[in-house]
C-alpha cells in the first residue's frame, strides 16, 4: 500500500478536500488484477479502517459506528464549508459563516465523550481523523480573519482539551512537520494565503464563494 499525489487525477467528486491534491491510497486489488486507487480523505479513512482493522478506529457495536459516522458526516457537511467560507469571503462584516462554526462546535462538543480527551474517549478514532485536521488549523482563521474560537467557556474548555490531547498523540504529531525542516505552522499559513486573498480556485474555494 502506498500514498500518492492525486493532483493530476482530475477528481471532481463532492468532497471536503481543500485542494485538487486529494489524498489517495493505492492498494493491490484484493479481487482482480492491477491496483485500486482510493481517493478523497474520508473515503481513504474508511478504506484503511476496513483494510487494517487493528487497532479499531470505530466503536465495536453497530449503533456506535453509526453515531461516529454521523459526527463525521455532519462535520464535513457543515463545519468544513463554513471554515473555507470565512477564509474566502472578503467582507469583514459577514459573520454568517462564523456563526455556523460556533453552532457546529457546540454540537460537536455535545457528541463527544465528556471525559475525553479525544472525541470518543481515550483512543484515536475515525472521528478524530476527520475533525482534528481542522481543529489544529483554527489558528489560520484567527490569523487571517480574527476568528478566536468559541466564546462559551464550557465549549472552549472541552475543545482546548481536545486539541491539546490530539496534538500530543503520536499519530497526529507525526504529520505536523515540514519535510524541508521549515516551521510547519508558518508554512501552513502560507498555503492558505490564496484562500484568504480570494485567488484560490479549488473546488472548495469556488463552492465557498458561491454559497
C-alpha atoms as a PDB file:
ATOM      1  CA  UNK A   1       0.000   0.000   0.000  1.00  0.00           C
ATOM      2  CA  UNK A   2       1.268   3.498  -0.752  1.00  0.00           C
ATOM      3  CA  UNK A   3       0.189   7.123  -0.752  1.00  0.00           C
ATOM      4  CA  UNK A   4       0.297   9.159  -3.909  1.00  0.00           C
ATOM      5  CA  UNK A   5      -0.360  12.717  -5.011  1.00  0.00           C
ATOM      6  CA  UNK A   6      -3.588  12.660  -6.989  1.00  0.00           C
ATOM      7  CA  UNK A   7      -3.413  16.289  -8.084  1.00  0.00           C
ATOM      8  CA  UNK A   8      -3.291  15.198 -11.704  1.00  0.00           C
ATOM      9  CA  UNK A   9      -6.181  12.800 -11.425  1.00  0.00           C
ATOM     10  CA  UNK A  10      -8.815  15.407 -12.121  1.00  0.00           C
ATOM     11  CA  UNK A  11     -11.035  14.217  -9.303  1.00  0.00           C
ATOM     12  CA  UNK A  12     -14.310  16.113  -9.268  1.00  0.00           C
ATOM     13  CA  UNK A  13     -16.271  14.191  -6.693  1.00  0.00           C
ATOM     14  CA  UNK A  14     -18.029  16.121  -3.949  1.00  0.00           C
ATOM     15  CA  UNK A  15     -15.610  16.144  -1.069  1.00  0.00           C
ATOM     16  CA  UNK A  16     -14.371  18.346   1.708  1.00  0.00           C
ATOM     17  CA  UNK A  17     -10.886  18.326   0.250  1.00  0.00           C
ATOM     18  CA  UNK A  18      -9.251  21.741   0.355  1.00  0.00           C
ATOM     19  CA  UNK A  19      -7.384  21.468  -2.925  1.00  0.00           C
ATOM     20  CA  UNK A  20      -7.035  19.444  -6.074  1.00  0.00           C
ATOM     21  CA  UNK A  21      -4.257  17.422  -4.410  1.00  0.00           C
ATOM     22  CA  UNK A  22      -6.679  14.994  -2.813  1.00  0.00           C
ATOM     23  CA  UNK A  23      -5.184  12.283  -0.595  1.00  0.00           C
ATOM     24  CA  UNK A  24      -5.163   8.912  -2.292  1.00  0.00           C
ATOM     25  CA  UNK A  25      -4.396   5.374  -1.258  1.00  0.00           C
ATOM     26  CA  UNK A  26      -3.120   2.904  -3.816  1.00  0.00           C
ATOM     27  CA  UNK A  27      -3.523  -0.751  -2.942  1.00  0.00           C
ATOM     28  CA  UNK A  28      -3.218  -4.067  -4.696  1.00  0.00           C
ATOM     29  CA  UNK A  29      -6.755  -5.178  -5.514  1.00  0.00           C
ATOM     30  CA  UNK A  30      -7.925  -7.992  -3.285  1.00  0.00           C
ATOM     31  CA  UNK A  31     -10.076  -9.288  -6.128  1.00  0.00           C
ATOM     32  CA  UNK A  32      -8.790  -8.983  -9.671  1.00  0.00           C
ATOM     33  CA  UNK A  33      -5.583  -7.834 -11.247  1.00  0.00           C
ATOM     34  CA  UNK A  34      -3.953  -4.424 -11.108  1.00  0.00           C
ATOM     35  CA  UNK A  35      -4.169  -1.733  -8.473  1.00  0.00           C
ATOM     36  CA  UNK A  36      -7.012   0.202  -6.947  1.00  0.00           C
ATOM     37  CA  UNK A  37      -6.797   3.947  -6.357  1.00  0.00           C
ATOM     38  CA  UNK A  38      -8.938   5.214  -3.490  1.00  0.00           C
ATOM     39  CA  UNK A  39      -9.338   8.998  -3.353  1.00  0.00           C
ATOM     40  CA  UNK A  40     -10.929  11.572  -1.030  1.00  0.00           C
ATOM     41  CA  UNK A  41      -9.711  11.806   2.534  1.00  0.00           C
ATOM     42  CA  UNK A  42     -12.802  10.469   4.326  1.00  0.00           C
ATOM     43  CA  UNK A  43     -13.057   7.529   1.932  1.00  0.00           C
ATOM     44  CA  UNK A  44      -9.354   6.823   2.468  1.00  0.00           C
ATOM     45  CA  UNK A  45     -10.013   6.747   6.215  1.00  0.00           C
ATOM     46  CA  UNK A  46     -12.794   4.198   5.796  1.00  0.00           C
ATOM     47  CA  UNK A  47     -10.685   2.125   3.403  1.00  0.00           C
ATOM     48  CA  UNK A  48      -7.781   1.945   5.836  1.00  0.00           C
ATOM     49  CA  UNK A  49     -10.121   1.014   8.692  1.00  0.00           C
ATOM     50  CA  UNK A  50     -11.515  -1.858   6.612  1.00  0.00           C
ATOM     51  CA  UNK A  51      -8.157  -2.984   5.261  1.00  0.00           C
ATOM     52  CA  UNK A  52      -6.331  -2.752   8.599  1.00  0.00           C
ATOM     53  CA  UNK A  53      -8.949  -3.275  11.337  1.00  0.00           C
ATOM     54  CA  UNK A  54      -6.457  -3.349  14.201  1.00  0.00           C
ATOM     55  CA  UNK A  55      -6.354  -1.159  16.124  1.00  0.00           C
ATOM     56  CA  UNK A  56     -10.033  -0.385  15.569  1.00  0.00           C
ATOM     57  CA  UNK A  57     -10.866   3.259  14.875  1.00  0.00           C
ATOM     58  CA  UNK A  58     -14.626   2.789  15.251  1.00  0.00           C
ATOM     59  CA  UNK A  59     -16.693   1.530  18.213  1.00  0.00           C
ATOM     60  CA  UNK A  60     -17.478  -2.180  18.401  1.00  0.00           C
ATOM     61  CA  UNK A  61     -21.271  -2.001  18.219  1.00  0.00           C
ATOM     62  CA  UNK A  62     -23.188  -1.010  15.061  1.00  0.00           C
ATOM     63  CA  UNK A  63     -25.013   1.808  16.858  1.00  0.00           C
ATOM     64  CA  UNK A  64     -21.669   3.247  17.969  1.00  0.00           C
ATOM     65  CA  UNK A  65     -20.294   3.032  14.442  1.00  0.00           C
ATOM     66  CA  UNK A  66     -23.385   4.805  13.115  1.00  0.00           C
ATOM     67  CA  UNK A  67     -23.080   7.565  15.719  1.00  0.00           C
ATOM     68  CA  UNK A  68     -19.420   8.101  14.823  1.00  0.00           C
ATOM     69  CA  UNK A  69     -20.210   8.286  11.116  1.00  0.00           C
ATOM     70  CA  UNK A  70     -22.983  10.790  11.829  1.00  0.00           C
ATOM     71  CA  UNK A  71     -20.475  13.085  13.529  1.00  0.00           C
ATOM     72  CA  UNK A  72     -18.085  12.753  10.597  1.00  0.00           C
ATOM     73  CA  UNK A  73     -20.836  13.416   8.051  1.00  0.00           C
ATOM     74  CA  UNK A  74     -22.188  16.491   9.786  1.00  0.00           C
ATOM     75  CA  UNK A  75     -18.727  17.923  10.427  1.00  0.00           C
ATOM     76  CA  UNK A  76     -17.808  17.502   6.769  1.00  0.00           C
ATOM     77  CA  UNK A  77     -21.162  18.841   5.587  1.00  0.00           C
ATOM     78  CA  UNK A  78     -21.480  21.854   7.907  1.00  0.00           C
ATOM     79  CA  UNK A  79     -18.235  22.825   9.608  1.00  0.00           C
ATOM     80  CA  UNK A  80     -15.763  22.343   6.771  1.00  0.00           C
ATOM     81  CA  UNK A  81     -17.614  24.536   4.210  1.00  0.00           C
ATOM     82  CA  UNK A  82     -18.006  27.278   6.837  1.00  0.00           C
ATOM     83  CA  UNK A  83     -14.271  27.100   7.580  1.00  0.00           C
ATOM     84  CA  UNK A  84     -13.494  27.893   3.959  1.00  0.00           C
ATOM     85  CA  UNK A  85     -16.259  30.469   3.663  1.00  0.00           C
ATOM     86  CA  UNK A  86     -14.670  32.506   6.456  1.00  0.00           C
ATOM     87  CA  UNK A  87     -11.356  32.423   4.609  1.00  0.00           C
ATOM     88  CA  UNK A  88     -12.631  33.063   1.095  1.00  0.00           C
ATOM     89  CA  UNK A  89     -15.234  35.761   1.665  1.00  0.00           C
ATOM     90  CA  UNK A  90     -13.688  39.206   1.643  1.00  0.00           C
ATOM     91  CA  UNK A  91     -16.415  41.101   3.543  1.00  0.00           C
ATOM     92  CA  UNK A  92     -15.169  41.524   7.141  1.00  0.00           C
ATOM     93  CA  UNK A  93     -18.707  42.280   8.342  1.00  0.00           C
ATOM     94  CA  UNK A  94     -20.051  38.923   7.122  1.00  0.00           C
ATOM     95  CA  UNK A  95     -20.372  36.886  10.317  1.00  0.00           C
ATOM     96  CA  UNK A  96     -22.711  34.211   8.954  1.00  0.00           C
ATOM     97  CA  UNK A  97     -20.000  31.590   8.473  1.00  0.00           C
ATOM     98  CA  UNK A  98     -18.511  32.303  11.917  1.00  0.00           C
ATOM     99  CA  UNK A  99     -21.954  31.783  13.450  1.00  0.00           C
ATOM    100  CA  UNK A 100     -22.178  28.397  11.701  1.00  0.00           C
ATOM    101  CA  UNK A 101     -18.747  27.467  13.032  1.00  0.00           C
ATOM    102  CA  UNK A 102     -19.802  28.354  16.580  1.00  0.00           C
ATOM    103  CA  UNK A 103     -23.030  26.364  16.264  1.00  0.00           C
ATOM    104  CA  UNK A 104     -21.251  23.323  14.848  1.00  0.00           C
ATOM    105  CA  UNK A 105     -18.557  23.410  17.524  1.00  0.00           C
ATOM    106  CA  UNK A 106     -21.284  23.473  20.175  1.00  0.00           C
ATOM    107  CA  UNK A 107     -22.961  20.492  18.508  1.00  0.00           C
ATOM    108  CA  UNK A 108     -19.655  18.666  18.173  1.00  0.00           C
ATOM    109  CA  UNK A 109     -18.804  19.023  21.860  1.00  0.00           C
ATOM    110  CA  UNK A 110     -22.218  17.639  22.810  1.00  0.00           C
ATOM    111  CA  UNK A 111     -21.488  14.498  20.760  1.00  0.00           C
ATOM    112  CA  UNK A 112     -18.019  13.958  22.180  1.00  0.00           C
ATOM    113  CA  UNK A 113     -17.126  11.799  25.148  1.00  0.00           C
ATOM    114  CA  UNK A 114     -17.451  14.204  28.113  1.00  0.00           C
ATOM    115  CA  UNK A 115     -14.260  12.909  29.731  1.00  0.00           C
ATOM    116  CA  UNK A 116     -12.286  12.669  26.536  1.00  0.00           C
ATOM    117  CA  UNK A 117      -9.674  13.570  25.987  1.00  0.00           C
ATOM    118  CA  UNK A 118     -10.292  12.638  22.320  1.00  0.00           C
ATOM    119  CA  UNK A 119     -13.627  12.639  20.542  1.00  0.00           C
ATOM    120  CA  UNK A 120     -14.806   9.165  21.563  1.00  0.00           C
ATOM    121  CA  UNK A 121     -12.653   8.648  24.631  1.00  0.00           C
ATOM    122  CA  UNK A 122      -9.003   7.783  25.142  1.00  0.00           C
ATOM    123  CA  UNK A 123      -8.290   6.203  21.765  1.00  0.00           C
ATOM    124  CA  UNK A 124      -7.902   7.771  18.358  1.00  0.00           C
ATOM    125  CA  UNK A 125     -10.950   7.235  16.128  1.00  0.00           C
ATOM    126  CA  UNK A 126     -12.148   7.969  12.611  1.00  0.00           C
ATOM    127  CA  UNK A 127     -13.979  10.942  14.099  1.00  0.00           C
ATOM    128  CA  UNK A 128     -10.618  12.380  15.137  1.00  0.00           C
ATOM    129  CA  UNK A 129      -9.177  11.666  11.694  1.00  0.00           C
ATOM    130  CA  UNK A 130     -11.901  13.848  10.176  1.00  0.00           C
ATOM    131  CA  UNK A 131     -12.069  16.573  12.823  1.00  0.00           C
ATOM    132  CA  UNK A 132      -8.539  17.108  14.136  1.00  0.00           C
ATOM    133  CA  UNK A 133      -7.013  18.466  10.877  1.00  0.00           C
ATOM    134  CA  UNK A 134      -9.397  21.424  11.112  1.00  0.00           C
ATOM    135  CA  UNK A 135      -9.158  21.874  14.880  1.00  0.00           C
ATOM    136  CA  UNK A 136      -5.389  22.293  14.700  1.00  0.00           C
ATOM    137  CA  UNK A 137      -5.891  24.790  11.855  1.00  0.00           C
ATOM    138  CA  UNK A 138      -8.223  27.147  13.700  1.00  0.00           C
ATOM    139  CA  UNK A 139      -5.255  29.469  14.180  1.00  0.00           C
ATOM    140  CA  UNK A 140      -5.393  30.034  10.403  1.00  0.00           C
ATOM    141  CA  UNK A 141      -8.814  31.647  10.815  1.00  0.00           C
ATOM    142  CA  UNK A 142      -7.555  33.770  13.694  1.00  0.00           C
ATOM    143  CA  UNK A 143      -4.553  34.911  11.669  1.00  0.00           C
ATOM    144  CA  UNK A 144      -6.466  35.887   8.528  1.00  0.00           C
ATOM    145  CA  UNK A 145      -9.954  36.705   9.830  1.00  0.00           C
ATOM    146  CA  UNK A 146      -9.685  37.312  13.559  1.00  0.00           C
ATOM    147  CA  UNK A 147     -11.787  34.267  14.476  1.00  0.00           C
ATOM    148  CA  UNK A 148     -10.687  33.422  18.008  1.00  0.00           C
ATOM    149  CA  UNK A 149     -12.807  30.332  18.549  1.00  0.00           C
ATOM    150  CA  UNK A 150     -15.902  29.560  20.568  1.00  0.00           C
ATOM    151  CA  UNK A 151     -16.519  32.014  23.399  1.00  0.00           C
ATOM    152  CA  UNK A 152     -18.723  29.816  25.609  1.00  0.00           C
ATOM    153  CA  UNK A 153     -16.392  28.716  28.445  1.00  0.00           C
ATOM    154  CA  UNK A 154     -17.538  25.090  28.696  1.00  0.00           C
ATOM    155  CA  UNK A 155     -17.299  24.545  24.943  1.00  0.00           C
ATOM    156  CA  UNK A 156     -13.965  26.337  24.678  1.00  0.00           C
ATOM    157  CA  UNK A 157     -12.521  24.311  27.572  1.00  0.00           C
ATOM    158  CA  UNK A 158     -13.503  20.955  26.038  1.00  0.00           C
ATOM    159  CA  UNK A 159     -12.199  21.986  22.627  1.00  0.00           C
ATOM    160  CA  UNK A 160      -8.878  23.084  24.110  1.00  0.00           C
ATOM    161  CA  UNK A 161      -8.598  19.762  25.948  1.00  0.00           C
ATOM    162  CA  UNK A 162      -9.323  18.013  22.673  1.00  0.00           C
ATOM    163  CA  UNK A 163      -6.844  19.989  20.581  1.00  0.00           C
ATOM    164  CA  UNK A 164      -4.089  19.574  23.176  1.00  0.00           C
ATOM    165  CA  UNK A 165      -4.627  15.819  23.505  1.00  0.00           C
ATOM    166  CA  UNK A 166      -4.833  15.338  19.746  1.00  0.00           C
ATOM    167  CA  UNK A 167      -1.647  17.311  19.150  1.00  0.00           C
ATOM    168  CA  UNK A 168       0.201  15.115  21.647  1.00  0.00           C
ATOM    169  CA  UNK A 169      -0.950  11.867  20.048  1.00  0.00           C
ATOM    170  CA  UNK A 170       1.985  10.294  18.160  1.00  0.00           C
ATOM    171  CA  UNK A 171      -0.091   9.671  15.021  1.00  0.00           C
ATOM    172  CA  UNK A 172      -1.081  13.341  14.851  1.00  0.00           C
ATOM    173  CA  UNK A 173       2.268  14.768  15.895  1.00  0.00           C
ATOM    174  CA  UNK A 174       3.969  12.739  13.166  1.00  0.00           C
ATOM    175  CA  UNK A 175       2.022  14.642  10.496  1.00  0.00           C
ATOM    176  CA  UNK A 176       2.715  18.130  11.819  1.00  0.00           C
ATOM    177  CA  UNK A 177       6.128  18.720  10.359  1.00  0.00           C
ATOM    178  CA  UNK A 178       7.543  20.253   7.207  1.00  0.00           C
ATOM    179  CA  UNK A 179       9.598  17.888   5.014  1.00  0.00           C
ATOM    180  CA  UNK A 180      12.205  20.583   4.420  1.00  0.00           C
ATOM    181  CA  UNK A 181      12.568  21.449   8.086  1.00  0.00           C
ATOM    182  CA  UNK A 182      10.700  24.750   7.831  1.00  0.00           C
ATOM    183  CA  UNK A 183       8.291  25.939  10.504  1.00  0.00           C
ATOM    184  CA  UNK A 184       5.134  23.881   9.999  1.00  0.00           C
ATOM    185  CA  UNK A 185       2.600  26.434  11.216  1.00  0.00           C
ATOM    186  CA  UNK A 186       4.163  29.281   9.230  1.00  0.00           C
ATOM    187  CA  UNK A 187       4.232  27.271   6.026  1.00  0.00           C
ATOM    188  CA  UNK A 188       0.647  26.141   6.594  1.00  0.00           C
ATOM    189  CA  UNK A 189      -0.431  29.776   6.892  1.00  0.00           C
ATOM    190  CA  UNK A 190       1.247  30.446   3.553  1.00  0.00           C
ATOM    191  CA  UNK A 191      -0.603  27.542   1.964  1.00  0.00           C
ATOM    192  CA  UNK A 192      -3.928  29.132   2.955  1.00  0.00           C
ATOM    193  CA  UNK A 193      -2.992  32.632   1.793  1.00  0.00           C
ATOM    194  CA  UNK A 194      -4.664  32.185  -1.594  1.00  0.00           C
ATOM    195  CA  UNK A 195      -7.933  31.368   0.135  1.00  0.00           C
ATOM    196  CA  UNK A 196      -7.572  34.455   2.295  1.00  0.00           C
ATOM    197  CA  UNK A 197      -6.854  36.808  -0.622  1.00  0.00           C
ATOM    198  CA  UNK A 198      -9.613  35.278  -2.760  1.00  0.00           C
ATOM    199  CA  UNK A 199      -7.355  33.940  -5.504  1.00  0.00           C
ATOM    200  CA  UNK A 200      -7.769  30.219  -4.763  1.00  0.00           C
ATOM    201  CA  UNK A 201      -9.625  28.340  -7.487  1.00  0.00           C
ATOM    202  CA  UNK A 202     -10.067  24.893  -5.985  1.00  0.00           C
ATOM    203  CA  UNK A 203     -13.477  23.261  -5.925  1.00  0.00           C
ATOM    204  CA  UNK A 204     -13.831  24.101  -2.231  1.00  0.00           C
ATOM    205  CA  UNK A 205     -12.895  27.742  -2.846  1.00  0.00           C
ATOM    206  CA  UNK A 206     -15.412  28.038  -5.677  1.00  0.00           C
ATOM    207  CA  UNK A 207     -18.134  26.459  -3.559  1.00  0.00           C
ATOM    208  CA  UNK A 208     -17.332  28.818  -0.665  1.00  0.00           C
ATOM    209  CA  UNK A 209     -17.625  31.866  -2.912  1.00  0.00           C
ATOM    210  CA  UNK A 210     -20.954  30.754  -4.315  1.00  0.00           C
ATOM    211  CA  UNK A 211     -22.707  29.898  -1.033  1.00  0.00           C
END
